[in-house]
Amino acid sequence: KQKKVVVKRPVAAKVQINCIYEGKNYSVISSANFNENMGCYLIKNGDEYKVLGFTKDRTFEIKHYDKLKNEKLEARISDKLDDGSIRYIVRIASHKFIMRVEGDKMEYIMDLC
């Protein structure tokens, strides 16, 4: 079952954007765009954080954190694979992980030390 997320994409850096994910209210803290239709958001509800990946029509929960010291999300391309998929390294403070993007699908691969 696909999860429904309502997010208005940030227009200005200092505008607080709210979203509803799985019936809870979250604030969009930071975002990284891979292209004009794809990227990821760091969202927060109290002390709970989630990294959501988005494509034009779909949203994916990539990772969950109970606490973070820094709320800045950064992403960069790691590898372009022969099957057409792209791996991205996503960083939030000292937390780093790899995610894979293929077409309109995204998935968490592994944490990095």
Protein backbone atom coordinates (compact mmCIF):
# COMPACT_ATOMS: atom_id res chain seq x y z
CA LYS A 1 0.00 0.00 0.00
CA GLN A 2 1.42 3.37 -1.03
CA LYS A 3 1.57 5.96 1.76
CA LYS A 4 0.03 9.35 1.09
CA VAL A 5 2.06 12.45 1.89
CA VAL A 6 0.99 16.03 1.42
CA VAL A 7 4.00 18.36 1.12
CA LYS A 8 4.30 21.82 -0.29
CA ARG A 9 7.83 22.19 -1.61
CA PRO A 10 9.88 24.97 0.00
CA VAL A 11 10.12 28.17 -2.01
CA ALA A 12 12.23 30.27 0.35
CA ALA A 13 14.86 29.00 2.75
CA LYS A 14 13.31 30.52 5.89
CA VAL A 15 9.70 29.50 5.27
CA GLN A 16 8.53 26.70 7.56
CA ILE A 17 6.79 23.98 5.58
CA ASN A 18 4.52 21.45 7.26
CA CYS A 19 3.38 18.10 5.96
CA ILE A 20 1.14 15.24 7.01
CA TYR A 21 2.71 11.78 6.84
CA GLU A 22 0.96 8.64 8.11
CA GLY A 23 -1.59 10.85 9.88
CA LYS A 24 0.99 12.87 11.85
CA ASN A 25 2.01 16.50 11.41
CA TYR A 26 5.68 17.04 10.56
CA SER A 27 7.83 20.04 9.73
CA VAL A 28 10.11 19.88 6.71
CA ILE A 29 13.52 20.73 8.18
CA SER A 30 15.80 20.30 5.17
CA SER A 31 15.71 18.98 1.62
CA ALA A 32 18.00 17.88 -1.20
CA ASN A 33 16.87 17.67 -4.81
CA PHE A 34 18.40 15.07 -7.13
CA ASN A 35 16.63 16.71 -10.10
CA GLU A 36 13.47 18.78 -10.61
CA ASN A 37 11.13 15.85 -9.79
CA MET A 38 13.15 13.81 -7.30
CA GLY A 39 14.97 14.19 -3.99
CA CYS A 40 14.51 13.76 -0.26
CA TYR A 41 13.22 15.63 2.77
CA LEU A 42 14.24 15.54 6.41
CA ILE A 43 11.02 15.86 8.42
CA LYS A 44 10.52 16.25 12.19
CA ASN A 45 7.76 15.66 14.72
CA GLY A 46 8.98 16.37 18.27
CA ASP A 47 12.17 14.33 18.66
CA GLU A 48 11.28 11.97 15.81
CA TYR A 49 12.95 12.46 12.43
CA LYS A 50 12.37 10.73 9.11
CA VAL A 51 14.08 10.93 5.74
CA LEU A 52 11.47 10.78 2.99
CA GLY A 53 12.43 10.21 -0.62
CA PHE A 54 10.12 11.66 -3.25
CA THR A 55 9.57 11.36 -6.97
CA LYS A 56 6.97 13.19 -9.00
CA ASP A 57 4.13 10.90 -7.84
CA ARG A 58 5.50 8.73 -5.02
CA THR A 59 6.94 9.07 -1.52
CA PHE A 60 9.20 6.59 0.30
CA GLU A 61 10.25 6.41 3.93
CA ILE A 62 14.00 5.90 3.66
CA LYS A 63 15.30 6.21 7.22
CA HIS A 64 14.20 7.04 10.79
CA TYR A 65 16.12 8.74 13.62
CA ASP A 66 15.11 9.28 17.23
CA LYS A 67 17.49 12.22 17.73
CA LEU A 68 19.80 14.32 15.59
CA LYS A 69 22.40 16.90 16.60
CA ASN A 70 22.31 18.64 13.22
CA GLU A 71 19.27 19.04 10.97
CA LYS A 72 20.98 19.70 7.64
CA LEU A 73 20.46 17.05 4.96
CA GLU A 74 23.00 16.79 2.13
CA ALA A 75 23.10 14.37 -0.80
CA ARG A 76 25.44 13.61 -3.69
CA ILE A 77 25.75 10.99 -6.42
CA SER A 78 27.96 8.08 -5.44
CA ASP A 79 27.64 5.73 -8.44
CA LYS A 80 25.77 5.39 -11.72
CA LEU A 81 25.24 1.67 -12.23
CA ASP A 82 24.98 -0.33 -15.46
CA ASP A 83 21.33 -1.22 -14.74
CA GLY A 84 20.41 2.49 -14.94
CA SER A 85 20.07 3.02 -11.20
CA ILE A 86 21.93 5.70 -9.29
CA ARG A 87 23.31 5.46 -5.76
CA TYR A 88 23.34 8.56 -3.59
CA ILE A 89 25.23 9.22 -0.38
CA VAL A 90 22.97 11.08 2.04
CA ARG A 91 24.46 12.84 5.06
CA ILE A 92 22.85 14.35 8.15
CA ALA A 93 25.54 15.51 10.61
CA SER A 94 27.69 12.41 11.30
CA HIS A 95 25.04 10.01 9.95
CA LYS A 96 25.69 8.82 6.39
CA PHE A 97 23.91 6.22 4.32
CA ILE A 98 23.54 5.04 0.73
CA MET A 99 20.23 4.97 -1.08
CA ARG A 100 19.44 3.63 -4.54
CA VAL A 101 17.20 5.35 -7.07
CA GLU A 102 15.87 3.63 -10.18
CA GLY A 103 13.12 5.22 -12.23
CA ASP A 104 10.46 6.25 -9.71
CA LYS A 105 11.66 3.83 -7.00
CA MET A 106 13.92 4.56 -4.04
CA GLU A 107 15.38 2.35 -1.36
CA TYR A 108 17.78 2.43 1.58
CA ILE A 109 20.92 0.35 0.97
CA MET A 110 23.22 0.67 3.99
CA ASP A 111 24.74 2.93 6.63
CA LEU A 112 28.28 4.23 6.20
CA CYS A 113 30.74 4.53 9.08
